[in-house]
């Protein structure tokens, strides 16, 4: 997976915006103002291709045990976030997309009813 594929997949999700709220390096994707994916552009350029994704806590632990490419979220709440290495080709692109979908869905699920309704009306 390259950065363009990651970008296109994330930005095409309903209600998604992108930005650099922390610094000029960390690209963040949000749905209705809530983060669901973030990555360091400098690390991508250096060959360290990874993305932080929200995850159900129990599944997060299972994924970390099953795959070397999945570890606790770097600079994130380790209970709810994974850092997923997409550069070593251990994980098929379709599975990375599934993890992005799961992150997006987790964030939407945690929104207020009002925000979910606004998202549905987009």
PDB file of N, CA and C in Angstrom:
ATOM      1  N   UNK A   1       0.851  -1.179   0.000  1.00  0.00           N
ATOM      2  CA  UNK A   1       0.000   0.000   0.000  1.00  0.00           C
ATOM      3  C   UNK A   1       0.893   1.238   0.000  1.00  0.00           C
ATOM      4  N   UNK A   2       0.518   2.202  -0.808  1.00  0.00           N
ATOM      5  CA  UNK A   2       1.262   3.452  -0.798  1.00  0.00           C
ATOM      6  C   UNK A   2       0.398   4.553  -0.174  1.00  0.00           C
ATOM      7  N   UNK A   3       0.992   5.706   0.045  1.00  0.00           N
ATOM      8  CA  UNK A   3       0.298   6.793   0.743  1.00  0.00           C
ATOM      9  C   UNK A   3      -0.913   7.277  -0.050  1.00  0.00           C
ATOM     10  N   UNK A   4      -0.840   7.254  -1.372  1.00  0.00           N
ATOM     11  CA  UNK A   4      -1.970   7.694  -2.179  1.00  0.00           C
ATOM     12  C   UNK A   4      -3.174   6.766  -2.008  1.00  0.00           C
ATOM     13  N   UNK A   5      -2.902   5.468  -1.954  1.00  0.00           N
ATOM     14  CA  UNK A   5      -3.987   4.503  -1.739  1.00  0.00           C
ATOM     15  C   UNK A   5      -4.624   4.691  -0.364  1.00  0.00           C
ATOM     16  N   UNK A   6      -3.799   4.870   0.649  1.00  0.00           N
ATOM     17  CA  UNK A   6      -4.311   5.129   1.992  1.00  0.00           C
ATOM     18  C   UNK A   6      -5.156   6.398   2.000  1.00  0.00           C
ATOM     19  N   UNK A   7      -4.619   7.445   1.410  1.00  0.00           N
ATOM     20  CA  UNK A   7      -5.316   8.729   1.369  1.00  0.00           C
ATOM     21  C   UNK A   7      -6.667   8.599   0.670  1.00  0.00           C
ATOM     22  N   UNK A   8      -6.675   8.007  -0.515  1.00  0.00           N
ATOM     23  CA  UNK A   8      -7.912   7.885  -1.288  1.00  0.00           C
ATOM     24  C   UNK A   8      -8.961   7.070  -0.548  1.00  0.00           C
ATOM     25  N   UNK A   9      -8.529   5.981   0.077  1.00  0.00           N
ATOM     26  CA  UNK A   9      -9.486   5.131   0.771  1.00  0.00           C
ATOM     27  C   UNK A   9     -10.117   5.877   1.953  1.00  0.00           C
ATOM     28  N   UNK A  10      -9.292   6.548   2.723  1.00  0.00           N
ATOM     29  CA  UNK A  10      -9.802   7.263   3.901  1.00  0.00           C
ATOM     30  C   UNK A  10     -10.664   8.459   3.521  1.00  0.00           C
ATOM     31  N   UNK A  11     -10.195   9.280   2.603  1.00  0.00           N
ATOM     32  CA  UNK A  11     -10.892  10.534   2.284  1.00  0.00           C
ATOM     33  C   UNK A  11     -12.226  10.271   1.597  1.00  0.00           C
ATOM     34  N   UNK A  12     -12.384   9.115   0.973  1.00  0.00           N
ATOM     35  CA  UNK A  12     -13.638   8.795   0.289  1.00  0.00           C
ATOM     36  C   UNK A  12     -14.722   8.252   1.216  1.00  0.00           C
ATOM     37  N   UNK A  13     -14.413   8.087   2.478  1.00  0.00           N
ATOM     38  CA  UNK A  13     -15.418   7.629   3.424  1.00  0.00           C
ATOM     39  C   UNK A  13     -16.334   8.805   3.777  1.00  0.00           C
ATOM     40  N   UNK A  14     -17.593   8.523   3.921  1.00  0.00           N
ATOM     41  CA  UNK A  14     -18.620   9.546   4.146  1.00  0.00           C
ATOM     42  C   UNK A  14     -18.305  10.421   5.359  1.00  0.00           C
ATOM     43  N   UNK A  15     -18.374  11.753   5.159  1.00  0.00           N
ATOM     44  CA  UNK A  15     -18.181  12.708   6.249  1.00  0.00           C
ATOM     45  C   UNK A  15     -16.741  12.914   6.668  1.00  0.00           C
ATOM     46  N   UNK A  16     -15.794  12.431   5.853  1.00  0.00           N
ATOM     47  CA  UNK A  16     -14.377  12.490   6.225  1.00  0.00           C
ATOM     48  C   UNK A  16     -13.710  13.776   5.764  1.00  0.00           C
ATOM     49  N   UNK A  17     -12.891  14.321   6.651  1.00  0.00           N
ATOM     50  CA  UNK A  17     -12.022  15.446   6.337  1.00  0.00           C
ATOM     51  C   UNK A  17     -10.598  15.044   6.686  1.00  0.00           C
ATOM     52  N   UNK A  18      -9.653  15.788   6.148  1.00  0.00           N
ATOM     53  CA  UNK A  18      -8.246  15.541   6.464  1.00  0.00           C
ATOM     54  C   UNK A  18      -7.621  16.836   6.927  1.00  0.00           C
ATOM     55  N   UNK A  19      -6.560  16.725   7.705  1.00  0.00           N
ATOM     56  CA  UNK A  19      -5.874  17.919   8.164  1.00  0.00           C
ATOM     57  C   UNK A  19      -4.620  17.576   8.942  1.00  0.00           C
ATOM     58  N   UNK A  20      -3.982  18.624   9.434  1.00  0.00           N
ATOM     59  CA  UNK A  20      -2.758  18.503  10.201  1.00  0.00           C
ATOM     60  C   UNK A  20      -2.929  19.247  11.531  1.00  0.00           C
ATOM     61  N   UNK A  21      -3.774  18.731  12.443  1.00  0.00           N
ATOM     62  CA  UNK A  21      -4.072  19.460  13.676  1.00  0.00           C
ATOM     63  C   UNK A  21      -2.936  19.490  14.691  1.00  0.00           C
ATOM     64  N   UNK A  22      -1.987  18.559  14.583  1.00  0.00           N
ATOM     65  CA  UNK A  22      -0.916  18.467  15.575  1.00  0.00           C
ATOM     66  C   UNK A  22       0.370  19.149  15.122  1.00  0.00           C
ATOM     67  N   UNK A  23       0.717  18.938  13.868  1.00  0.00           N
ATOM     68  CA  UNK A  23       1.955  19.483  13.299  1.00  0.00           C
ATOM     69  C   UNK A  23       1.857  19.337  11.785  1.00  0.00           C
ATOM     70  N   UNK A  24       2.887  19.732  11.067  1.00  0.00           N
ATOM     71  CA  UNK A  24       2.839  19.658   9.600  1.00  0.00           C
ATOM     72  C   UNK A  24       3.220  18.289   9.057  1.00  0.00           C
ATOM     73  N   UNK A  25       3.480  17.341   9.942  1.00  0.00           N
ATOM     74  CA  UNK A  25       3.873  15.994   9.535  1.00  0.00           C
ATOM     75  C   UNK A  25       2.750  14.976   9.675  1.00  0.00           C
ATOM     76  N   UNK A  26       1.921  15.111  10.687  1.00  0.00           N
ATOM     77  CA  UNK A  26       0.936  14.087  11.024  1.00  0.00           C
ATOM     78  C   UNK A  26      -0.393  14.347  10.311  1.00  0.00           C
ATOM     79  N   UNK A  27      -0.661  13.521   9.300  1.00  0.00           N
ATOM     80  CA  UNK A  27      -1.900  13.608   8.536  1.00  0.00           C
ATOM     81  C   UNK A  27      -2.991  12.866   9.297  1.00  0.00           C
ATOM     82  N   UNK A  28      -4.089  13.575   9.579  1.00  0.00           N
ATOM     83  CA  UNK A  28      -5.185  13.017  10.368  1.00  0.00           C
ATOM     84  C   UNK A  28      -6.460  12.997   9.536  1.00  0.00           C
ATOM     85  N   UNK A  29      -7.140  11.860   9.565  1.00  0.00           N
ATOM     86  CA  UNK A  29      -8.443  11.723   8.929  1.00  0.00           C
ATOM     87  C   UNK A  29      -9.494  11.672  10.023  1.00  0.00           C
ATOM     88  N   UNK A  30     -10.541  12.501   9.855  1.00  0.00           N
ATOM     89  CA  UNK A  30     -11.610  12.576  10.844  1.00  0.00           C
ATOM     90  C   UNK A  30     -12.949  12.368  10.156  1.00  0.00           C
ATOM     91  N   UNK A  31     -13.860  11.737  10.887  1.00  0.00           N
ATOM     92  CA  UNK A  31     -15.247  11.661  10.454  1.00  0.00           C
ATOM     93  C   UNK A  31     -16.045  12.519  11.420  1.00  0.00           C
ATOM     94  N   UNK A  32     -16.711  13.540  10.886  1.00  0.00           N
ATOM     95  CA  UNK A  32     -17.508  14.463  11.690  1.00  0.00           C
ATOM     96  C   UNK A  32     -16.685  15.020  12.860  1.00  0.00           C
ATOM     97  N   UNK A  33     -15.416  15.313  12.575  1.00  0.00           N
ATOM     98  CA  UNK A  33     -14.551  15.932  13.569  1.00  0.00           C
ATOM     99  C   UNK A  33     -13.875  14.986  14.543  1.00  0.00           C
ATOM    100  N   UNK A  34     -14.067  13.682  14.382  1.00  0.00           N
ATOM    101  CA  UNK A  34     -13.482  12.683  15.282  1.00  0.00           C
ATOM    102  C   UNK A  34     -12.461  11.843  14.523  1.00  0.00           C
ATOM    103  N   UNK A  35     -11.263  11.704  15.095  1.00  0.00           N
ATOM    104  CA  UNK A  35     -10.178  10.975  14.433  1.00  0.00           C
ATOM    105  C   UNK A  35     -10.483   9.492  14.276  1.00  0.00           C
ATOM    106  N   UNK A  36     -10.158   8.965  13.083  1.00  0.00           N
ATOM    107  CA  UNK A  36     -10.213   7.519  12.892  1.00  0.00           C
ATOM    108  C   UNK A  36      -8.931   6.957  12.275  1.00  0.00           C
ATOM    109  N   UNK A  37      -8.067   7.810  11.739  1.00  0.00           N
ATOM    110  CA  UNK A  37      -6.797   7.349  11.170  1.00  0.00           C
ATOM    111  C   UNK A  37      -5.794   8.492  11.172  1.00  0.00           C
ATOM    112  N   UNK A  38      -4.544   8.171  11.466  1.00  0.00           N
ATOM    113  CA  UNK A  38      -3.495   9.174  11.363  1.00  0.00           C
ATOM    114  C   UNK A  38      -2.178   8.507  11.018  1.00  0.00           C
ATOM    115  N   UNK A  39      -1.327   9.277  10.338  1.00  0.00           N
ATOM    116  CA  UNK A  39      -0.048   8.747   9.893  1.00  0.00           C
ATOM    117  C   UNK A  39       0.979   9.863   9.791  1.00  0.00           C
ATOM    118  N   UNK A  40       2.232   9.491   9.894  1.00  0.00           N
ATOM    119  CA  UNK A  40       3.335  10.443   9.757  1.00  0.00           C
ATOM    120  C   UNK A  40       3.836  10.432   8.313  1.00  0.00           C
ATOM    121  N   UNK A  41       3.766  11.572   7.658  1.00  0.00           N
ATOM    122  CA  UNK A  41       4.242  11.656   6.271  1.00  0.00           C
ATOM    123  C   UNK A  41       5.762  11.503   6.198  1.00  0.00           C
ATOM    124  N   UNK A  42       6.483  12.040   7.174  1.00  0.00           N
ATOM    125  CA  UNK A  42       7.949  11.897   7.187  1.00  0.00           C
ATOM    126  C   UNK A  42       8.347  10.432   7.284  1.00  0.00           C
ATOM    127  N   UNK A  43       7.650   9.675   8.109  1.00  0.00           N
ATOM    128  CA  UNK A  43       7.962   8.246   8.234  1.00  0.00           C
ATOM    129  C   UNK A  43       7.658   7.501   6.938  1.00  0.00           C
ATOM    130  N   UNK A  44       6.553   7.863   6.259  1.00  0.00           N
ATOM    131  CA  UNK A  44       6.248   7.234   4.965  1.00  0.00           C
ATOM    132  C   UNK A  44       7.382   7.491   3.989  1.00  0.00           C
ATOM    133  N   UNK A  45       7.851   8.738   3.942  1.00  0.00           N
ATOM    134  CA  UNK A  45       8.934   9.085   3.027  1.00  0.00           C
ATOM    135  C   UNK A  45      10.216   8.334   3.361  1.00  0.00           C
ATOM    136  N   UNK A  46      10.406   8.012   4.652  1.00  0.00           N
ATOM    137  CA  UNK A  46      11.596   7.279   5.092  1.00  0.00           C
ATOM    138  C   UNK A  46      11.428   5.766   4.947  1.00  0.00           C
ATOM    139  N   UNK A  47      10.267   5.320   4.445  1.00  0.00           N
ATOM    140  CA  UNK A  47      10.037   3.893   4.248  1.00  0.00           C
ATOM    141  C   UNK A  47       9.331   3.207   5.399  1.00  0.00           C
ATOM    142  N   UNK A  48       9.001   3.945   6.455  1.00  0.00           N
ATOM    143  CA  UNK A  48       8.285   3.380   7.600  1.00  0.00           C
ATOM    144  C   UNK A  48       6.798   3.667   7.417  1.00  0.00           C
ATOM    145  N   UNK A  49       6.133   2.807   6.669  1.00  0.00           N
ATOM    146  CA  UNK A  49       4.736   3.046   6.306  1.00  0.00           C
ATOM    147  C   UNK A  49       3.795   2.401   7.323  1.00  0.00           C
ATOM    148  N   UNK A  50       3.185   3.246   8.132  1.00  0.00           N
ATOM    149  CA  UNK A  50       2.228   2.741   9.119  1.00  0.00           C
ATOM    150  C   UNK A  50       1.114   3.758   9.313  1.00  0.00           C
ATOM    151  N   UNK A  51       0.016   3.263   9.892  1.00  0.00           N
ATOM    152  CA  UNK A  51      -1.138   4.107  10.156  1.00  0.00           C
ATOM    153  C   UNK A  51      -1.702   3.719  11.523  1.00  0.00           C
ATOM    154  N   UNK A  52      -2.102   4.701  12.300  1.00  0.00           N
ATOM    155  CA  UNK A  52      -2.767   4.453  13.575  1.00  0.00           C
ATOM    156  C   UNK A  52      -4.265   4.374  13.331  1.00  0.00           C
ATOM    157  N   UNK A  53      -4.886   3.305  13.857  1.00  0.00           N
ATOM    158  CA  UNK A  53      -6.307   3.067  13.658  1.00  0.00           C
ATOM    159  C   UNK A  53      -6.961   2.678  14.977  1.00  0.00           C
ATOM    160  N   UNK A  54      -8.161   3.163  15.178  1.00  0.00           N
ATOM    161  CA  UNK A  54      -8.936   2.803  16.358  1.00  0.00           C
ATOM    162  C   UNK A  54      -9.399   1.357  16.203  1.00  0.00           C
ATOM    163  N   UNK A  55      -9.536   0.653  17.347  1.00  0.00           N
ATOM    164  CA  UNK A  55      -9.910  -0.751  17.275  1.00  0.00           C
ATOM    165  C   UNK A  55     -10.621  -1.169  18.558  1.00  0.00           C
ATOM    166  N   UNK A  56     -11.551  -2.088  18.426  1.00  0.00           N
ATOM    167  CA  UNK A  56     -12.184  -2.695  19.586  1.00  0.00           C
ATOM    168  C   UNK A  56     -11.074  -3.270  20.466  1.00  0.00           C
ATOM    169  N   UNK A  57     -11.074  -2.970  21.779  1.00  0.00           N
ATOM    170  CA  UNK A  57      -9.972  -3.390  22.642  1.00  0.00           C
ATOM    171  C   UNK A  57      -9.654  -4.891  22.614  1.00  0.00           C
ATOM    172  N   UNK A  58     -10.673  -5.743  22.595  1.00  0.00           N
ATOM    173  CA  UNK A  58     -10.414  -7.184  22.571  1.00  0.00           C
ATOM    174  C   UNK A  58      -9.805  -7.616  21.238  1.00  0.00           C
ATOM    175  N   UNK A  59     -10.336  -7.081  20.140  1.00  0.00           N
ATOM    176  CA  UNK A  59      -9.796  -7.431  18.825  1.00  0.00           C
ATOM    177  C   UNK A  59      -8.392  -6.866  18.666  1.00  0.00           C
ATOM    178  N   UNK A  60      -8.150  -5.688  19.245  1.00  0.00           N
ATOM    179  CA  UNK A  60      -6.814  -5.084  19.172  1.00  0.00           C
ATOM    180  C   UNK A  60      -5.773  -6.030  19.757  1.00  0.00           C
ATOM    181  N   UNK A  61      -6.073  -6.620  20.902  1.00  0.00           N
ATOM    182  CA  UNK A  61      -5.135  -7.564  21.529  1.00  0.00           C
ATOM    183  C   UNK A  61      -4.934  -8.799  20.662  1.00  0.00           C
ATOM    184  N   UNK A  62      -6.023  -9.307  20.099  1.00  0.00           N
ATOM    185  CA  UNK A  62      -5.916 -10.478  19.223  1.00  0.00           C
ATOM    186  C   UNK A  62      -5.032 -10.173  18.008  1.00  0.00           C
ATOM    187  N   UNK A  63      -5.246  -9.015  17.407  1.00  0.00           N
ATOM    188  CA  UNK A  63      -4.463  -8.636  16.227  1.00  0.00           C
ATOM    189  C   UNK A  63      -2.987  -8.512  16.567  1.00  0.00           C
ATOM    190  N   UNK A  64      -2.685  -7.922  17.731  1.00  0.00           N
ATOM    191  CA  UNK A  64      -1.279  -7.762  18.146  1.00  0.00           C
ATOM    192  C   UNK A  64      -0.605  -9.102  18.371  1.00  0.00           C
ATOM    193  N   UNK A  65      -1.371 -10.080  18.874  1.00  0.00           N
ATOM    194  CA  UNK A  65      -0.817 -11.417  19.094  1.00  0.00           C
ATOM    195  C   UNK A  65      -0.626 -12.165  17.782  1.00  0.00           C
ATOM    196  N   UNK A  66      -1.508 -11.924  16.839  1.00  0.00           N
ATOM    197  CA  UNK A  66      -1.511 -12.671  15.577  1.00  0.00           C
ATOM    198  C   UNK A  66      -0.540 -12.118  14.532  1.00  0.00           C
ATOM    199  N   UNK A  67      -0.323 -10.793  14.520  1.00  0.00           N
ATOM    200  CA  UNK A  67       0.468 -10.171  13.456  1.00  0.00           C
ATOM    201  C   UNK A  67       1.599  -9.315  14.036  1.00  0.00           C
ATOM    202  N   UNK A  68       2.785  -9.511  13.504  1.00  0.00           N
ATOM    203  CA  UNK A  68       3.905  -8.640  13.886  1.00  0.00           C
ATOM    204  C   UNK A  68       3.669  -7.209  13.414  1.00  0.00           C
ATOM    205  N   UNK A  69       2.874  -7.043  12.383  1.00  0.00           N
ATOM    206  CA  UNK A  69       2.622  -5.727  11.788  1.00  0.00           C
ATOM    207  C   UNK A  69       1.641  -4.884  12.588  1.00  0.00           C
ATOM    208  N   UNK A  70       1.059  -5.437  13.627  1.00  0.00           N
ATOM    209  CA  UNK A  70       0.097  -4.700  14.448  1.00  0.00           C
ATOM    210  C   UNK A  70       0.647  -4.608  15.861  1.00  0.00           C
ATOM    211  N   UNK A  71       0.787  -3.374  16.327  1.00  0.00           N
ATOM    212  CA  UNK A  71       1.288  -3.154  17.690  1.00  0.00           C
ATOM    213  C   UNK A  71       0.446  -2.066  18.354  1.00  0.00           C
ATOM    214  N   UNK A  72       0.661  -1.879  19.637  1.00  0.00           N
ATOM    215  CA  UNK A  72      -0.120  -0.866  20.349  1.00  0.00           C
ATOM    216  C   UNK A  72       0.139   0.501  19.731  1.00  0.00           C
ATOM    217  N   UNK A  73      -0.879   1.336  19.762  1.00  0.00           N
ATOM    218  CA  UNK A  73      -0.841   2.630  19.082  1.00  0.00           C
ATOM    219  C   UNK A  73       0.258   3.546  19.585  1.00  0.00           C
ATOM    220  N   UNK A  74       1.112   3.979  18.684  1.00  0.00           N
ATOM    221  CA  UNK A  74       2.208   4.885  19.001  1.00  0.00           C
ATOM    222  C   UNK A  74       1.643   6.248  19.373  1.00  0.00           C
ATOM    223  N   UNK A  75       1.973   6.741  20.565  1.00  0.00           N
ATOM    224  CA  UNK A  75       1.491   8.030  21.087  1.00  0.00           C
ATOM    225  C   UNK A  75      -0.034   8.091  21.188  1.00  0.00           C
ATOM    226  N   UNK A  76      -0.665   6.940  21.389  1.00  0.00           N
ATOM    227  CA  UNK A  76      -2.122   6.882  21.455  1.00  0.00           C
ATOM    228  C   UNK A  76      -2.535   6.082  22.688  1.00  0.00           C
ATOM    229  N   UNK A  77      -3.830   6.063  22.979  1.00  0.00           N
ATOM    230  CA  UNK A  77      -4.365   5.211  24.031  1.00  0.00           C
ATOM    231  C   UNK A  77      -4.198   3.770  23.558  1.00  0.00           C
ATOM    232  N   UNK A  78      -3.312   3.023  24.197  1.00  0.00           N
ATOM    233  CA  UNK A  78      -2.974   1.677  23.732  1.00  0.00           C
ATOM    234  C   UNK A  78      -4.133   0.698  23.821  1.00  0.00           C
ATOM    235  N   UNK A  79      -5.129   1.006  24.609  1.00  0.00           N
ATOM    236  CA  UNK A  79      -6.291   0.120  24.719  1.00  0.00           C
ATOM    237  C   UNK A  79      -7.142   0.186  23.452  1.00  0.00           C
ATOM    238  N   UNK A  80      -7.244   1.362  22.868  1.00  0.00           N
ATOM    239  CA  UNK A  80      -8.171   1.582  21.757  1.00  0.00           C
ATOM    240  C   UNK A  80      -7.520   1.818  20.397  1.00  0.00           C
ATOM    241  N   UNK A  81      -6.193   1.930  20.343  1.00  0.00           N
ATOM    242  CA  UNK A  81      -5.542   2.266  19.083  1.00  0.00           C
ATOM    243  C   UNK A  81      -4.409   1.286  18.782  1.00  0.00           C
ATOM    244  N   UNK A  82      -4.307   0.919  17.503  1.00  0.00           N
ATOM    245  CA  UNK A  82      -3.210   0.108  16.992  1.00  0.00           C
ATOM    246  C   UNK A  82      -2.411   0.915  15.985  1.00  0.00           C
ATOM    247  N   UNK A  83      -1.125   0.651  15.933  1.00  0.00           N
ATOM    248  CA  UNK A  83      -0.293   1.111  14.834  1.00  0.00           C
ATOM    249  C   UNK A  83      -0.133  -0.080  13.902  1.00  0.00           C
ATOM    250  N   UNK A  84      -0.525   0.107  12.653  1.00  0.00           N
ATOM    251  CA  UNK A  84      -0.524  -0.975  11.671  1.00  0.00           C
ATOM    252  C   UNK A  84       0.542  -0.685  10.632  1.00  0.00           C
ATOM    253  N   UNK A  85       1.545  -1.572  10.558  1.00  0.00           N
ATOM    254  CA  UNK A  85       2.617  -1.441   9.574  1.00  0.00           C
ATOM    255  C   UNK A  85       2.101  -1.995   8.249  1.00  0.00           C
ATOM    256  N   UNK A  86       2.020  -1.133   7.255  1.00  0.00           N
ATOM    257  CA  UNK A  86       1.520  -1.565   5.945  1.00  0.00           C
ATOM    258  C   UNK A  86       2.650  -1.688   4.924  1.00  0.00           C
ATOM    259  N   UNK A  87       3.881  -1.500   5.374  1.00  0.00           N
ATOM    260  CA  UNK A  87       5.012  -1.493   4.462  1.00  0.00           C
ATOM    261  C   UNK A  87       5.716  -2.815   4.298  1.00  0.00           C
ATOM    262  N   UNK A  88       5.438  -3.781   5.177  1.00  0.00           N
ATOM    263  CA  UNK A  88       6.175  -5.043   5.088  1.00  0.00           C
ATOM    264  C   UNK A  88       5.400  -6.139   4.362  1.00  0.00           C
ATOM    265  N   UNK A  89       4.212  -5.822   3.880  1.00  0.00           N
ATOM    266  CA  UNK A  89       3.379  -6.730   3.081  1.00  0.00           C
ATOM    267  C   UNK A  89       2.907  -7.977   3.833  1.00  0.00           C
ATOM    268  N   UNK A  90       2.973  -7.964   5.181  1.00  0.00           N
ATOM    269  CA  UNK A  90       2.421  -9.087   5.937  1.00  0.00           C
ATOM    270  C   UNK A  90       0.891  -9.101   5.818  1.00  0.00           C
ATOM    271  N   UNK A  91       0.305  -7.915   5.839  1.00  0.00           N
ATOM    272  CA  UNK A  91      -1.150  -7.797   5.795  1.00  0.00           C
ATOM    273  C   UNK A  91      -1.610  -7.481   4.380  1.00  0.00           C
ATOM    274  N   UNK A  92      -2.541  -8.261   3.847  1.00  0.00           N
ATOM    275  CA  UNK A  92      -3.072  -7.943   2.521  1.00  0.00           C
ATOM    276  C   UNK A  92      -3.762  -6.572   2.546  1.00  0.00           C
ATOM    277  N   UNK A  93      -3.710  -5.889   1.423  1.00  0.00           N
ATOM    278  CA  UNK A  93      -4.326  -4.564   1.318  1.00  0.00           C
ATOM    279  C   UNK A  93      -5.807  -4.619   1.701  1.00  0.00           C
ATOM    280  N   UNK A  94      -6.485  -5.678   1.311  1.00  0.00           N
ATOM    281  CA  UNK A  94      -7.907  -5.810   1.639  1.00  0.00           C
ATOM    282  C   UNK A  94      -8.120  -5.869   3.153  1.00  0.00           C
ATOM    283  N   UNK A  95      -7.201  -6.473   3.874  1.00  0.00           N
ATOM    284  CA  UNK A  95      -7.319  -6.544   5.331  1.00  0.00           C
ATOM    285  C   UNK A  95      -7.037  -5.180   5.962  1.00  0.00           C
ATOM    286  N   UNK A  96      -6.075  -4.447   5.415  1.00  0.00           N
ATOM    287  CA  UNK A  96      -5.809  -3.089   5.904  1.00  0.00           C
ATOM    288  C   UNK A  96      -7.060  -2.227   5.692  1.00  0.00           C
ATOM    289  N   UNK A  97      -7.706  -2.369   4.547  1.00  0.00           N
ATOM    290  CA  UNK A  97      -8.950  -1.641   4.302  1.00  0.00           C
ATOM    291  C   UNK A  97     -10.024  -2.039   5.318  1.00  0.00           C
ATOM    292  N   UNK A  98     -10.085  -3.312   5.665  1.00  0.00           N
ATOM    293  CA  UNK A  98     -11.034  -3.784   6.679  1.00  0.00           C
ATOM    294  C   UNK A  98     -10.739  -3.122   8.036  1.00  0.00           C
ATOM    295  N   UNK A  99      -9.464  -2.993   8.365  1.00  0.00           N
ATOM    296  CA  UNK A  99      -9.085  -2.344   9.628  1.00  0.00           C
ATOM    297  C   UNK A  99      -9.449  -0.856   9.621  1.00  0.00           C
ATOM    298  N   UNK A 100      -9.287  -0.210   8.471  1.00  0.00           N
ATOM    299  CA  UNK A 100      -9.687   1.198   8.347  1.00  0.00           C
ATOM    300  C   UNK A 100     -11.201   1.311   8.501  1.00  0.00           C
ATOM    301  N   UNK A 101     -11.937   0.428   7.851  1.00  0.00           N
ATOM    302  CA  UNK A 101     -13.398   0.429   7.977  1.00  0.00           C
ATOM    303  C   UNK A 101     -13.816   0.242   9.434  1.00  0.00           C
ATOM    304  N   UNK A 102     -13.155  -0.677  10.114  1.00  0.00           N
ATOM    305  CA  UNK A 102     -13.464  -0.943  11.522  1.00  0.00           C
ATOM    306  C   UNK A 102     -13.208   0.304  12.368  1.00  0.00           C
ATOM    307  N   UNK A 103     -12.095   0.975  12.127  1.00  0.00           N
ATOM    308  CA  UNK A 103     -11.767   2.197  12.870  1.00  0.00           C
ATOM    309  C   UNK A 103     -12.834   3.254  12.641  1.00  0.00           C
ATOM    310  N   UNK A 104     -13.175   3.474  11.394  1.00  0.00           N
ATOM    311  CA  UNK A 104     -14.210   4.451  11.028  1.00  0.00           C
ATOM    312  C   UNK A 104     -15.524   4.099  11.725  1.00  0.00           C
ATOM    313  N   UNK A 105     -15.920   2.827  11.641  1.00  0.00           N
ATOM    314  CA  UNK A 105     -17.179   2.383  12.246  1.00  0.00           C
ATOM    315  C   UNK A 105     -17.166   2.537  13.766  1.00  0.00           C
ATOM    316  N   UNK A 106     -16.020   2.269  14.393  1.00  0.00           N
ATOM    317  CA  UNK A 106     -15.908   2.441  15.848  1.00  0.00           C
ATOM    318  C   UNK A 106     -16.130   3.899  16.239  1.00  0.00           C
ATOM    319  N   UNK A 107     -15.563   4.799  15.464  1.00  0.00           N
ATOM    320  CA  UNK A 107     -15.707   6.228  15.762  1.00  0.00           C
ATOM    321  C   UNK A 107     -17.161   6.661  15.556  1.00  0.00           C
ATOM    322  N   UNK A 108     -17.762   6.237  14.462  1.00  0.00           N
ATOM    323  CA  UNK A 108     -19.155   6.592  14.194  1.00  0.00           C
ATOM    324  C   UNK A 108     -20.063   6.035  15.297  1.00  0.00           C
ATOM    325  N   UNK A 109     -19.809   4.813  15.701  1.00  0.00           N
ATOM    326  CA  UNK A 109     -20.606   4.174  16.757  1.00  0.00           C
ATOM    327  C   UNK A 109     -20.539   4.972  18.067  1.00  0.00           C
ATOM    328  N   UNK A 110     -19.410   5.590  18.346  1.00  0.00           N
ATOM    329  CA  UNK A 110     -19.229   6.347  19.580  1.00  0.00           C
ATOM    330  C   UNK A 110     -19.770   7.771  19.527  1.00  0.00           C
ATOM    331  N   UNK A 111     -20.281   8.185  18.381  1.00  0.00           N
ATOM    332  CA  UNK A 111     -20.799   9.552  18.231  1.00  0.00           C
ATOM    333  C   UNK A 111     -22.167   9.703  18.892  1.00  0.00           C
ATOM    334  N   UNK A 112     -22.515  10.931  19.138  1.00  0.00           N
ATOM    335  CA  UNK A 112     -23.861  11.218  19.616  1.00  0.00           C
ATOM    336  C   UNK A 112     -24.856  10.896  18.514  1.00  0.00           C
ATOM    337  N   UNK A 113     -26.100  10.701  18.901  1.00  0.00           N
ATOM    338  CA  UNK A 113     -27.160  10.424  17.929  1.00  0.00           C
ATOM    339  C   UNK A 113     -27.271  11.569  16.926  1.00  0.00           C
ATOM    340  N   UNK A 114     -27.126  12.788  17.414  1.00  0.00           N
ATOM    341  CA  UNK A 114     -27.217  13.972  16.552  1.00  0.00           C
ATOM    342  C   UNK A 114     -26.127  13.964  15.468  1.00  0.00           C
ATOM    343  N   UNK A 115     -24.898  13.627  15.856  1.00  0.00           N
ATOM    344  CA  UNK A 115     -23.813  13.574  14.870  1.00  0.00           C
ATOM    345  C   UNK A 115     -24.020  12.430  13.878  1.00  0.00           C
ATOM    346  N   UNK A 116     -24.472  11.276  14.373  1.00  0.00           N
ATOM    347  CA  UNK A 116     -24.735  10.153  13.450  1.00  0.00           C
ATOM    348  C   UNK A 116     -25.839  10.518  12.457  1.00  0.00           C
ATOM    349  N   UNK A 117     -26.862  11.197  12.908  1.00  0.00           N
ATOM    350  CA  UNK A 117     -27.933  11.639  12.005  1.00  0.00           C
ATOM    351  C   UNK A 117     -27.397  12.622  10.966  1.00  0.00           C
ATOM    352  N   UNK A 118     -26.554  13.549  11.409  1.00  0.00           N
ATOM    353  CA  UNK A 118     -25.959  14.513  10.477  1.00  0.00           C
ATOM    354  C   UNK A 118     -25.113  13.796   9.432  1.00  0.00           C
ATOM    355  N   UNK A 119     -24.370  12.777   9.854  1.00  0.00           N
ATOM    356  CA  UNK A 119     -23.560  11.986   8.925  1.00  0.00           C
ATOM    357  C   UNK A 119     -24.450  11.263   7.917  1.00  0.00           C
ATOM    358  N   UNK A 120     -25.522  10.683   8.398  1.00  0.00           N
ATOM    359  CA  UNK A 120     -26.437   9.957   7.510  1.00  0.00           C
ATOM    360  C   UNK A 120     -27.101  10.885   6.493  1.00  0.00           C
ATOM    361  N   UNK A 121     -27.223  12.168   6.838  1.00  0.00           N
ATOM    362  CA  UNK A 121     -27.871  13.123   5.938  1.00  0.00           C
ATOM    363  C   UNK A 121     -26.912  13.757   4.930  1.00  0.00           C
ATOM    364  N   UNK A 122     -25.644  13.386   4.987  1.00  0.00           N
ATOM    365  CA  UNK A 122     -24.679  13.939   4.016  1.00  0.00           C
ATOM    366  C   UNK A 122     -24.870  13.323   2.653  1.00  0.00           C
TER     367      UNK A 122
END
